[in-house]
Full PDB file with SEQRES, HELIX, SHEET, SSBOND, CRYST1, ORIGX, SCALE, CONECT and MASTER records, all heavy atoms in Angstrom:
SEQRES   1 A   39  TRP GLU VAL ALA GLY PRO PRO VAL VAL LEU ASP ALA ARG          
SEQRES   2 A   39  THR ARG ALA VAL ASP ARG ALA TYR ARG ALA LEU PHE GLY          
SEQRES   3 A   39  ASP ARG VAL ASP GLY PRO GLU LEU ALA GLU ALA ALA ALA          
HELIX    1 AA1 PRO A    6  PHE A   25  1                                  20    
HELIX    2 AA2 GLY A   26  ASP A   30  5                                   5    
HELIX    3 AA3 PRO A   32  ALA A   38  1                                   7    
CRYST1    1.000    1.000    1.000  90.00  90.00  90.00 P 1           1          
ORIGX1      1.000000  0.000000  0.000000        0.00000                         
ORIGX2      0.000000  1.000000  0.000000        0.00000                         
ORIGX3      0.000000  0.000000  1.000000        0.00000                         
SCALE1      1.000000  0.000000  0.000000        0.00000                         
SCALE2      0.000000  1.000000  0.000000        0.00000                         
SCALE3      0.000000  0.000000  1.000000        0.00000                         
ATOM      1  N   TRP A   1      32.688 -88.334   5.053  1.00  0.00           N  
ATOM      2  CA  TRP A   1      32.943 -89.281   3.890  1.00  0.00           C  
ATOM      3  C   TRP A   1      31.738 -89.295   2.992  1.00  0.00           C  
ATOM      4  O   TRP A   1      31.855 -89.852   1.855  1.00  0.00           O  
ATOM      5  CB  TRP A   1      33.155 -90.653   4.500  1.00  0.00           C  
ATOM      6  CG  TRP A   1      34.277 -90.703   5.544  1.00  0.00           C  
ATOM      7  CD1 TRP A   1      34.347 -91.389   6.621  1.00  0.00           C  
ATOM      8  CD2 TRP A   1      35.593 -90.087   5.346  1.00  0.00           C  
ATOM      9  NE1 TRP A   1      35.540 -91.236   7.312  1.00  0.00           N  
ATOM     10  CE2 TRP A   1      36.310 -90.434   6.581  1.00  0.00           C  
ATOM     11  CE3 TRP A   1      36.242 -89.330   4.393  1.00  0.00           C  
ATOM     12  CZ2 TRP A   1      37.634 -89.980   6.767  1.00  0.00           C  
ATOM     13  CZ3 TRP A   1      37.472 -88.852   4.608  1.00  0.00           C  
ATOM     14  CH2 TRP A   1      38.254 -89.213   5.780  1.00  0.00           C  
ATOM     15  N   GLU A   2      30.547 -88.803   3.367  1.00  0.00           N  
ATOM     16  CA  GLU A   2      29.417 -88.756   2.457  1.00  0.00           C  
ATOM     17  C   GLU A   2      29.661 -87.605   1.425  1.00  0.00           C  
ATOM     18  O   GLU A   2      29.083 -87.665   0.295  1.00  0.00           O  
ATOM     19  CB  GLU A   2      28.092 -88.587   3.191  1.00  0.00           C  
ATOM     20  CG  GLU A   2      27.804 -89.756   4.200  1.00  0.00           C  
ATOM     21  CD  GLU A   2      26.549 -89.479   5.005  1.00  0.00           C  
ATOM     22  OE1 GLU A   2      25.890 -88.506   4.703  1.00  0.00           O  
ATOM     23  OE2 GLU A   2      26.314 -90.285   5.889  1.00  0.00           O  
ATOM     24  N   VAL A   3      30.500 -86.651   1.841  1.00  0.00           N  
ATOM     25  CA  VAL A   3      30.767 -85.510   0.895  1.00  0.00           C  
ATOM     26  C   VAL A   3      31.832 -86.125  -0.116  1.00  0.00           C  
ATOM     27  O   VAL A   3      31.669 -85.837  -1.327  1.00  0.00           O  
ATOM     28  CB  VAL A   3      31.316 -84.352   1.697  1.00  0.00           C  
ATOM     29  CG1 VAL A   3      31.779 -83.231   0.745  1.00  0.00           C  
ATOM     30  CG2 VAL A   3      30.409 -83.853   2.703  1.00  0.00           C  
ATOM     31  N   ALA A   4      32.883 -86.767   0.328  1.00  0.00           N  
ATOM     32  CA  ALA A   4      33.927 -87.286  -0.487  1.00  0.00           C  
ATOM     33  C   ALA A   4      34.530 -88.441   0.296  1.00  0.00           C  
ATOM     34  O   ALA A   4      35.028 -88.281   1.390  1.00  0.00           O  
ATOM     35  CB  ALA A   4      34.874 -86.228  -0.923  1.00  0.00           C  
ATOM     36  N   GLY A   5      34.709 -89.603  -0.442  1.00  0.00           N  
ATOM     37  CA  GLY A   5      35.421 -90.662   0.213  1.00  0.00           C  
ATOM     38  C   GLY A   5      36.940 -90.455   0.357  1.00  0.00           C  
ATOM     39  O   GLY A   5      37.476 -89.546  -0.397  1.00  0.00           O  
ATOM     40  N   PRO A   6      37.585 -91.153   1.209  1.00  0.00           N  
ATOM     41  CA  PRO A   6      39.056 -90.977   1.334  1.00  0.00           C  
ATOM     42  C   PRO A   6      39.901 -90.946   0.167  1.00  0.00           C  
ATOM     43  O   PRO A   6      40.793 -90.119   0.041  1.00  0.00           O  
ATOM     44  CB  PRO A   6      39.417 -92.111   2.360  1.00  0.00           C  
ATOM     45  CG  PRO A   6      38.201 -92.293   3.143  1.00  0.00           C  
ATOM     46  CD  PRO A   6      37.066 -92.163   2.163  1.00  0.00           C  
ATOM     47  N   PRO A   7      39.694 -91.897  -0.836  1.00  0.00           N  
ATOM     48  CA  PRO A   7      40.578 -91.802  -2.046  1.00  0.00           C  
ATOM     49  C   PRO A   7      40.387 -90.491  -2.822  1.00  0.00           C  
ATOM     50  O   PRO A   7      41.335 -89.916  -3.321  1.00  0.00           O  
ATOM     51  CB  PRO A   7      40.072 -92.959  -2.969  1.00  0.00           C  
ATOM     52  CG  PRO A   7      39.513 -93.944  -1.866  1.00  0.00           C  
ATOM     53  CD  PRO A   7      38.845 -93.072  -0.876  1.00  0.00           C  
ATOM     54  N   VAL A   8      39.129 -90.002  -2.917  1.00  0.00           N  
ATOM     55  CA  VAL A   8      38.928 -88.707  -3.588  1.00  0.00           C  
ATOM     56  C   VAL A   8      39.585 -87.667  -2.784  1.00  0.00           C  
ATOM     57  O   VAL A   8      40.197 -86.641  -3.345  1.00  0.00           O  
ATOM     58  CB  VAL A   8      37.458 -88.439  -3.699  1.00  0.00           C  
ATOM     59  CG1 VAL A   8      37.164 -87.034  -4.309  1.00  0.00           C  
ATOM     60  CG2 VAL A   8      36.755 -89.508  -4.588  1.00  0.00           C  
ATOM     61  N   VAL A   9      39.451 -87.686  -1.458  1.00  0.00           N  
ATOM     62  CA  VAL A   9      40.059 -86.595  -0.634  1.00  0.00           C  
ATOM     63  C   VAL A   9      41.524 -86.600  -0.738  1.00  0.00           C  
ATOM     64  O   VAL A   9      42.219 -85.543  -0.833  1.00  0.00           O  
ATOM     65  CB  VAL A   9      39.666 -86.831   0.851  1.00  0.00           C  
ATOM     66  CG1 VAL A   9      40.438 -85.901   1.761  1.00  0.00           C  
ATOM     67  CG2 VAL A   9      38.209 -86.560   1.087  1.00  0.00           C  
ATOM     68  N   LEU A  10      42.164 -87.818  -0.808  1.00  0.00           N  
ATOM     69  CA  LEU A  10      43.623 -87.874  -0.908  1.00  0.00           C  
ATOM     70  C   LEU A  10      44.116 -87.263  -2.239  1.00  0.00           C  
ATOM     71  O   LEU A  10      45.129 -86.639  -2.370  1.00  0.00           O  
ATOM     72  CB  LEU A  10      44.051 -89.323  -0.755  1.00  0.00           C  
ATOM     73  CG  LEU A  10      44.007 -89.889   0.671  1.00  0.00           C  
ATOM     74  CD1 LEU A  10      44.326 -91.378   0.692  1.00  0.00           C  
ATOM     75  CD2 LEU A  10      45.029 -89.110   1.540  1.00  0.00           C  
ATOM     76  N   ASP A  11      43.342 -87.535  -3.372  1.00  0.00           N  
ATOM     77  CA  ASP A  11      43.691 -86.975  -4.675  1.00  0.00           C  
ATOM     78  C   ASP A  11      43.582 -85.441  -4.644  1.00  0.00           C  
ATOM     79  O   ASP A  11      44.474 -84.763  -5.059  1.00  0.00           O  
ATOM     80  CB  ASP A  11      42.778 -87.470  -5.748  1.00  0.00           C  
ATOM     81  CG  ASP A  11      43.072 -88.958  -6.136  1.00  0.00           C  
ATOM     82  OD1 ASP A  11      44.198 -89.437  -5.883  1.00  0.00           O  
ATOM     83  OD2 ASP A  11      42.272 -89.576  -6.855  1.00  0.00           O  
ATOM     84  N   ALA A  12      42.571 -84.988  -4.009  1.00  0.00           N  
ATOM     85  CA  ALA A  12      42.419 -83.515  -3.780  1.00  0.00           C  
ATOM     86  C   ALA A  12      43.493 -82.937  -2.929  1.00  0.00           C  
ATOM     87  O   ALA A  12      43.952 -81.762  -3.146  1.00  0.00           O  
ATOM     88  CB  ALA A  12      41.013 -83.168  -3.306  1.00  0.00           C  
ATOM     89  N   ARG A  13      43.849 -83.692  -1.977  1.00  0.00           N  
ATOM     90  CA  ARG A  13      44.934 -83.206  -1.026  1.00  0.00           C  
ATOM     91  C   ARG A  13      46.221 -82.955  -1.778  1.00  0.00           C  
ATOM     92  O   ARG A  13      46.917 -81.993  -1.559  1.00  0.00           O  
ATOM     93  CB  ARG A  13      45.092 -84.237   0.107  1.00  0.00           C  
ATOM     94  CG  ARG A  13      46.092 -83.709   1.236  1.00  0.00           C  
ATOM     95  CD  ARG A  13      45.999 -84.639   2.428  1.00  0.00           C  
ATOM     96  NE  ARG A  13      47.027 -85.796   2.358  1.00  0.00           N  
ATOM     97  CZ  ARG A  13      47.406 -86.485   3.427  1.00  0.00           C  
ATOM     98  NH1 ARG A  13      46.938 -86.304   4.597  1.00  0.00           N  
ATOM     99  NH2 ARG A  13      48.231 -87.461   3.163  1.00  0.00           N  
ATOM    100  N   THR A  14      46.497 -83.851  -2.672  1.00  0.00           N  
ATOM    101  CA  THR A  14      47.710 -83.675  -3.508  1.00  0.00           C  
ATOM    102  C   THR A  14      47.700 -82.433  -4.292  1.00  0.00           C  
ATOM    103  O   THR A  14      48.612 -81.708  -4.463  1.00  0.00           O  
ATOM    104  CB  THR A  14      48.006 -84.931  -4.375  1.00  0.00           C  
ATOM    105  OG1 THR A  14      48.158 -86.140  -3.529  1.00  0.00           O  
ATOM    106  CG2 THR A  14      49.248 -84.790  -5.247  1.00  0.00           C  
ATOM    107  N   ARG A  15      46.468 -82.292  -4.928  1.00  0.00           N  
ATOM    108  CA  ARG A  15      46.311 -81.047  -5.772  1.00  0.00           C  
ATOM    109  C   ARG A  15      46.431 -79.869  -4.965  1.00  0.00           C  
ATOM    110  O   ARG A  15      47.047 -78.771  -5.354  1.00  0.00           O  
ATOM    111  CB  ARG A  15      44.956 -81.073  -6.471  1.00  0.00           C  
ATOM    112  CG  ARG A  15      44.815 -82.099  -7.603  1.00  0.00           C  
ATOM    113  CD  ARG A  15      43.568 -81.819  -8.442  1.00  0.00           C  
ATOM    114  NE  ARG A  15      42.310 -81.776  -7.691  1.00  0.00           N  
ATOM    115  CZ  ARG A  15      41.526 -82.765  -7.352  1.00  0.00           C  
ATOM    116  NH1 ARG A  15      41.957 -83.996  -7.765  1.00  0.00           N  
ATOM    117  NH2 ARG A  15      40.448 -82.674  -6.628  1.00  0.00           N  
ATOM    118  N   ALA A  16      45.870 -79.880  -3.727  1.00  0.00           N  
ATOM    119  CA  ALA A  16      45.896 -78.767  -2.869  1.00  0.00           C  
ATOM    120  C   ALA A  16      47.395 -78.330  -2.420  1.00  0.00           C  
ATOM    121  O   ALA A  16      47.761 -77.222  -2.356  1.00  0.00           O  
ATOM    122  CB  ALA A  16      45.034 -78.978  -1.639  1.00  0.00           C  
ATOM    123  N   VAL A  17      48.183 -79.445  -2.068  1.00  0.00           N  
ATOM    124  CA  VAL A  17      49.481 -79.196  -1.714  1.00  0.00           C  
ATOM    125  C   VAL A  17      50.251 -78.553  -2.843  1.00  0.00           C  
ATOM    126  O   VAL A  17      51.065 -77.587  -2.699  1.00  0.00           O  
ATOM    127  CB  VAL A  17      50.187 -80.502  -1.262  1.00  0.00           C  
ATOM    128  CG1 VAL A  17      51.694 -80.286  -1.058  1.00  0.00           C  
ATOM    129  CG2 VAL A  17      49.624 -81.050   0.011  1.00  0.00           C  
ATOM    130  N   ASP A  18      50.045 -79.100  -4.016  1.00  0.00           N  
ATOM    131  CA  ASP A  18      50.734 -78.528  -5.212  1.00  0.00           C  
ATOM    132  C   ASP A  18      50.385 -77.077  -5.396  1.00  0.00           C  
ATOM    133  O   ASP A  18      51.331 -76.255  -5.518  1.00  0.00           O  
ATOM    134  CB  ASP A  18      50.324 -79.255  -6.491  1.00  0.00           C  
ATOM    135  CG  ASP A  18      50.939 -78.804  -7.708  1.00  0.00           C  
ATOM    136  OD1 ASP A  18      52.103 -78.718  -7.890  1.00  0.00           O  
ATOM    137  OD2 ASP A  18      50.123 -78.384  -8.657  1.00  0.00           O  
ATOM    138  N   ARG A  19      49.159 -76.709  -5.379  1.00  0.00           N  
ATOM    139  CA  ARG A  19      48.772 -75.334  -5.570  1.00  0.00           C  
ATOM    140  C   ARG A  19      49.288 -74.378  -4.410  1.00  0.00           C  
ATOM    141  O   ARG A  19      49.764 -73.279  -4.632  1.00  0.00           O  
ATOM    142  CB  ARG A  19      47.303 -75.241  -5.684  1.00  0.00           C  
ATOM    143  CG  ARG A  19      46.629 -75.835  -6.897  1.00  0.00           C  
ATOM    144  CD  ARG A  19      45.148 -75.698  -6.941  1.00  0.00           C  
ATOM    145  NE  ARG A  19      44.829 -74.220  -6.909  1.00  0.00           N  
ATOM    146  CZ  ARG A  19      43.618 -73.777  -6.466  1.00  0.00           C  
ATOM    147  NH1 ARG A  19      42.680 -74.565  -6.106  1.00  0.00           N  
ATOM    148  NH2 ARG A  19      43.401 -72.460  -6.525  1.00  0.00           N  
ATOM    149  N   ALA A  20      49.204 -74.937  -3.156  1.00  0.00           N  
ATOM    150  CA  ALA A  20      49.559 -74.014  -1.974  1.00  0.00           C  
ATOM    151  C   ALA A  20      51.046 -73.843  -1.974  1.00  0.00           C  
ATOM    152  O   ALA A  20      51.543 -72.731  -1.774  1.00  0.00           O  
ATOM    153  CB  ALA A  20      49.092 -74.781  -0.777  1.00  0.00           C  
ATOM    154  N   TYR A  21      51.814 -74.846  -2.271  1.00  0.00           N  
ATOM    155  CA  TYR A  21      53.264 -74.725  -2.327  1.00  0.00           C  
ATOM    156  C   TYR A  21      53.803 -73.850  -3.431  1.00  0.00           C  
ATOM    157  O   TYR A  21      54.618 -73.041  -3.301  1.00  0.00           O  
ATOM    158  CB  TYR A  21      53.957 -76.091  -2.298  1.00  0.00           C  
ATOM    159  CG  TYR A  21      54.350 -76.620  -0.937  1.00  0.00           C  
ATOM    160  CD1 TYR A  21      53.585 -76.261   0.188  1.00  0.00           C  
ATOM    161  CD2 TYR A  21      55.276 -77.573  -0.824  1.00  0.00           C  
ATOM    162  CE1 TYR A  21      53.965 -76.703   1.474  1.00  0.00           C  
ATOM    163  CE2 TYR A  21      55.663 -78.145   0.394  1.00  0.00           C  
ATOM    164  CZ  TYR A  21      54.913 -77.682   1.568  1.00  0.00           C  
ATOM    165  OH  TYR A  21      55.329 -78.262   2.773  1.00  0.00           O  
ATOM    166  N   ARG A  22      53.086 -73.905  -4.577  1.00  0.00           N  
ATOM    167  CA  ARG A  22      53.521 -73.097  -5.766  1.00  0.00           C  
ATOM    168  C   ARG A  22      53.159 -71.617  -5.418  1.00  0.00           C  
ATOM    169  O   ARG A  22      53.955 -70.752  -5.752  1.00  0.00           O  
ATOM    170  CB  ARG A  22      52.759 -73.581  -7.012  1.00  0.00           C  
ATOM    171  CG  ARG A  22      53.333 -74.823  -7.511  1.00  0.00           C  
ATOM    172  CD  ARG A  22      52.747 -75.268  -8.868  1.00  0.00           C  
ATOM    173  NE  ARG A  22      53.277 -76.590  -9.324  1.00  0.00           N  
ATOM    174  CZ  ARG A  22      54.446 -76.722  -9.895  1.00  0.00           C  
ATOM    175  NH1 ARG A  22      55.237 -75.680 -10.082  1.00  0.00           N  
ATOM    176  NH2 ARG A  22      54.876 -77.938 -10.203  1.00  0.00           N  
ATOM    177  N   ALA A  23      52.029 -71.367  -4.754  1.00  0.00           N  
ATOM    178  CA  ALA A  23      51.708 -69.959  -4.348  1.00  0.00           C  
ATOM    179  C   ALA A  23      52.695 -69.528  -3.289  1.00  0.00           C  
ATOM    180  O   ALA A  23      53.061 -68.308  -3.342  1.00  0.00           O  
ATOM    181  CB  ALA A  23      50.322 -69.935  -3.956  1.00  0.00           C  
ATOM    182  N   LEU A  24      53.067 -70.356  -2.415  1.00  0.00           N  
ATOM    183  CA  LEU A  24      53.908 -69.912  -1.308  1.00  0.00           C  
ATOM    184  C   LEU A  24      55.374 -69.742  -1.677  1.00  0.00           C  
ATOM    185  O   LEU A  24      56.046 -68.851  -1.239  1.00  0.00           O  
ATOM    186  CB  LEU A  24      53.789 -71.002  -0.181  1.00  0.00           C  
ATOM    187  CG  LEU A  24      54.308 -70.679   1.196  1.00  0.00           C  
ATOM    188  CD1 LEU A  24      53.534 -69.494   1.793  1.00  0.00           C  
ATOM    189  CD2 LEU A  24      54.107 -71.905   2.171  1.00  0.00           C  
ATOM    190  N   PHE A  25      55.889 -70.656  -2.463  1.00  0.00           N  
ATOM    191  CA  PHE A  25      57.318 -70.711  -2.699  1.00  0.00           C  
ATOM    192  C   PHE A  25      57.713 -70.233  -4.157  1.00  0.00           C  
ATOM    193  O   PHE A  25      58.908 -69.993  -4.428  1.00  0.00           O  
ATOM    194  CB  PHE A  25      57.877 -72.157  -2.534  1.00  0.00           C  
ATOM    195  CG  PHE A  25      57.644 -72.668  -1.188  1.00  0.00           C  
ATOM    196  CD1 PHE A  25      57.211 -74.067  -1.028  1.00  0.00           C  
ATOM    197  CD2 PHE A  25      57.782 -71.908  -0.103  1.00  0.00           C  
ATOM    198  CE1 PHE A  25      57.049 -74.576   0.210  1.00  0.00           C  
ATOM    199  CE2 PHE A  25      57.563 -72.428   1.199  1.00  0.00           C  
ATOM    200  CZ  PHE A  25      57.208 -73.817   1.302  1.00  0.00           C  
ATOM    201  N   GLY A  26      56.742 -70.006  -5.055  1.00  0.00           N  
ATOM    202  CA  GLY A  26      57.030 -69.449  -6.368  1.00  0.00           C  
ATOM    203  C   GLY A  26      57.988 -70.394  -7.143  1.00  0.00           C  
ATOM    204  O   GLY A  26      57.858 -71.608  -7.128  1.00  0.00           O  
ATOM    205  N   ASP A  27      58.932 -69.718  -7.830  1.00  0.00           N  
ATOM    206  CA  ASP A  27      59.890 -70.534  -8.724  1.00  0.00           C  
ATOM    207  C   ASP A  27      60.773 -71.438  -7.925  1.00  0.00           C  
ATOM    208  O   ASP A  27      61.294 -72.458  -8.543  1.00  0.00           O  
ATOM    209  CB  ASP A  27      60.812 -69.541  -9.451  1.00  0.00           C  
ATOM    210  CG  ASP A  27      60.049 -68.629 -10.491  1.00  0.00           C  
ATOM    211  OD1 ASP A  27      58.892 -69.122 -10.807  1.00  0.00           O  
ATOM    212  OD2 ASP A  27      60.554 -67.635 -10.861  1.00  0.00           O  
ATOM    213  N   ARG A  28      60.889 -71.254  -6.625  1.00  0.00           N  
ATOM    214  CA  ARG A  28      61.740 -72.177  -5.782  1.00  0.00           C  
ATOM    215  C   ARG A  28      61.174 -73.584  -5.769  1.00  0.00           C  
ATOM    216  O   ARG A  28      61.866 -74.568  -5.366  1.00  0.00           O  
ATOM    217  CB  ARG A  28      61.893 -71.601  -4.402  1.00  0.00           C  
ATOM    218  CG  ARG A  28      62.842 -70.414  -4.365  1.00  0.00           C  
ATOM    219  CD  ARG A  28      62.961 -69.850  -2.975  1.00  0.00           C  
ATOM    220  NE  ARG A  28      61.749 -69.287  -2.500  1.00  0.00           N  
ATOM    221  CZ  ARG A  28      61.572 -68.759  -1.278  1.00  0.00           C  
ATOM    222  NH1 ARG A  28      62.619 -68.803  -0.449  1.00  0.00           N  
ATOM    223  NH2 ARG A  28      60.442 -68.277  -0.850  1.00  0.00           N  
ATOM    224  N   VAL A  29      59.879 -73.767  -6.055  1.00  0.00           N  
ATOM    225  CA  VAL A  29      59.287 -75.121  -6.038  1.00  0.00           C  
ATOM    226  C   VAL A  29      60.112 -75.959  -6.956  1.00  0.00           C  
ATOM    227  O   VAL A  29      60.219 -77.234  -6.701  1.00  0.00           O  
ATOM    228  CB  VAL A  29      57.794 -74.997  -6.490  1.00  0.00           C  
ATOM    229  CG1 VAL A  29      57.344 -76.312  -7.054  1.00  0.00           C  
ATOM    230  CG2 VAL A  29      56.972 -74.541  -5.330  1.00  0.00           C  
ATOM    231  N   ASP A  30      60.595 -75.460  -8.137  1.00  0.00           N  
ATOM    232  CA  ASP A  30      61.225 -76.306  -9.103  1.00  0.00           C  
ATOM    233  C   ASP A  30      62.780 -76.193  -8.973  1.00  0.00           C  
ATOM    234  O   ASP A  30      63.497 -76.639  -9.817  1.00  0.00           O  
ATOM    235  CB  ASP A  30      60.806 -75.944 -10.469  1.00  0.00           C  
ATOM    236  CG  ASP A  30      59.344 -76.142 -10.696  1.00  0.00           C  
ATOM    237  OD1 ASP A  30      58.836 -77.175 -10.274  1.00  0.00           O  
ATOM    238  OD2 ASP A  30      58.672 -75.176 -11.173  1.00  0.00           O  
ATOM    239  N   GLY A  31      63.290 -75.547  -7.853  1.00  0.00           N  
ATOM    240  CA  GLY A  31      64.711 -75.362  -7.766  1.00  0.00           C  
ATOM    241  C   GLY A  31      65.400 -76.546  -7.097  1.00  0.00           C  
ATOM    242  O   GLY A  31      64.836 -77.500  -6.504  1.00  0.00           O  
ATOM    243  N   PRO A  32      66.816 -76.518  -7.227  1.00  0.00           N  
ATOM    244  CA  PRO A  32      67.596 -77.672  -6.728  1.00  0.00           C  
ATOM    245  C   PRO A  32      67.612 -77.797  -5.220  1.00  0.00           C  
ATOM    246  O   PRO A  32      67.699 -78.845  -4.719  1.00  0.00           O  
ATOM    247  CB  PRO A  32      68.998 -77.374  -7.252  1.00  0.00           C  
ATOM    248  CG  PRO A  32      68.958 -75.917  -7.577  1.00  0.00           C  
ATOM    249  CD  PRO A  32      67.527 -75.541  -7.937  1.00  0.00           C  
ATOM    250  N   GLU A  33      67.461 -76.589  -4.552  1.00  0.00           N  
ATOM    251  CA  GLU A  33      67.434 -76.645  -3.076  1.00  0.00           C  
ATOM    252  C   GLU A  33      66.252 -77.413  -2.546  1.00  0.00           C  
ATOM    253  O   GLU A  33      66.364 -78.253  -1.579  1.00  0.00           O  
ATOM    254  CB  GLU A  33      67.517 -75.244  -2.480  1.00  0.00           C  
ATOM    255  CG  GLU A  33      68.725 -74.501  -2.803  1.00  0.00           C  
ATOM    256  CD  GLU A  33      68.753 -73.870  -4.202  1.00  0.00           C  
ATOM    257  OE1 GLU A  33      67.722 -73.926  -4.800  1.00  0.00           O  
ATOM    258  OE2 GLU A  33      69.815 -73.264  -4.501  1.00  0.00           O  
ATOM    259  N   LEU A  34      65.068 -77.221  -3.077  1.00  0.00           N  
ATOM    260  CA  LEU A  34      63.861 -77.841  -2.590  1.00  0.00           C  
ATOM    261  C   LEU A  34      63.966 -79.298  -2.916  1.00  0.00           C  
ATOM    262  O   LEU A  34      63.629 -80.208  -2.097  1.00  0.00           O  
ATOM    263  CB  LEU A  34      62.619 -77.302  -3.176  1.00  0.00           C  
ATOM    264  CG  LEU A  34      61.354 -77.830  -2.537  1.00  0.00           C  
ATOM    265  CD1 LEU A  34      60.210 -76.728  -2.459  1.00  0.00           C  
ATOM    266  CD2 LEU A  34      60.802 -78.992  -3.243  1.00  0.00           C  
ATOM    267  N   ALA A  35      64.480 -79.727  -4.135  1.00  0.00           N  
ATOM    268  CA  ALA A  35      64.706 -81.131  -4.455  1.00  0.00           C  
ATOM    269  C   ALA A  35      65.610 -81.806  -3.516  1.00  0.00           C  
ATOM    270  O   ALA A  35      65.356 -82.946  -3.097  1.00  0.00           O  
ATOM    271  CB  ALA A  35      65.189 -81.170  -5.962  1.00  0.00           C  
ATOM    272  N   GLU A  36      66.700 -81.162  -3.186  1.00  0.00           N  
ATOM    273  CA  GLU A  36      67.667 -81.738  -2.216  1.00  0.00           C  
ATOM    274  C   GLU A  36      66.944 -81.898  -0.865  1.00  0.00           C  
ATOM    275  O   GLU A  36      67.145 -82.960  -0.173  1.00  0.00           O  
ATOM    276  CB  GLU A  36      68.911 -80.933  -2.170  1.00  0.00           C  
ATOM    277  CG  GLU A  36      69.998 -81.571  -1.237  1.00  0.00           C  
ATOM    278  CD  GLU A  36      71.208 -80.710  -1.142  1.00  0.00           C  
ATOM    279  OE1 GLU A  36      71.362 -79.634  -1.852  1.00  0.00           O  
ATOM    280  OE2 GLU A  36      72.174 -81.075  -0.326  1.00  0.00           O  
ATOM    281  N   ALA A  37      66.277 -80.918  -0.421  1.00  0.00           N  
ATOM    282  CA  ALA A  37      65.555 -80.967   0.919  1.00  0.00           C  
ATOM    283  C   ALA A  37      64.586 -82.089   0.930  1.00  0.00           C  
ATOM    284  O   ALA A  37      64.520 -82.859   1.921  1.00  0.00           O  
ATOM    285  CB  ALA A  37      64.948 -79.704   1.272  1.00  0.00           C  
ATOM    286  N   ALA A  38      63.817 -82.190  -0.129  1.00  0.00           N  
ATOM    287  CA  ALA A  38      62.873 -83.287  -0.310  1.00  0.00           C  
ATOM    288  C   ALA A  38      63.406 -84.664  -0.215  1.00  0.00           C  
ATOM    289  O   ALA A  38      62.911 -85.577   0.547  1.00  0.00           O  
ATOM    290  CB  ALA A  38      62.048 -83.114  -1.575  1.00  0.00           C  
ATOM    291  N   ALA A  39      64.589 -84.865  -0.828  1.00  0.00           N  
ATOM    292  CA  ALA A  39      65.175 -86.131  -0.847  1.00  0.00           C  
ATOM    293  C   ALA A  39      65.664 -86.486   0.606  1.00  0.00           C  
ATOM    294  O   ALA A  39      65.525 -87.653   1.011  1.00  0.00           O  
ATOM    295  CB  ALA A  39      66.416 -86.147  -1.812  1.00  0.00           C  
TER     296      ALA A  39                                                      
MASTER        0    0    0    3    0    0    0    6  295    1    0    3          
END                                                                             
């Protein structure tokens, strides 16, 4: 937590998920199947 506090880590975690999933799933990230699965 001296490196980064939890709020900062959580913000970075969201950015990291976004980047990782976009790299992993490509165009399917914005597709209707993923949106339905997420819901």
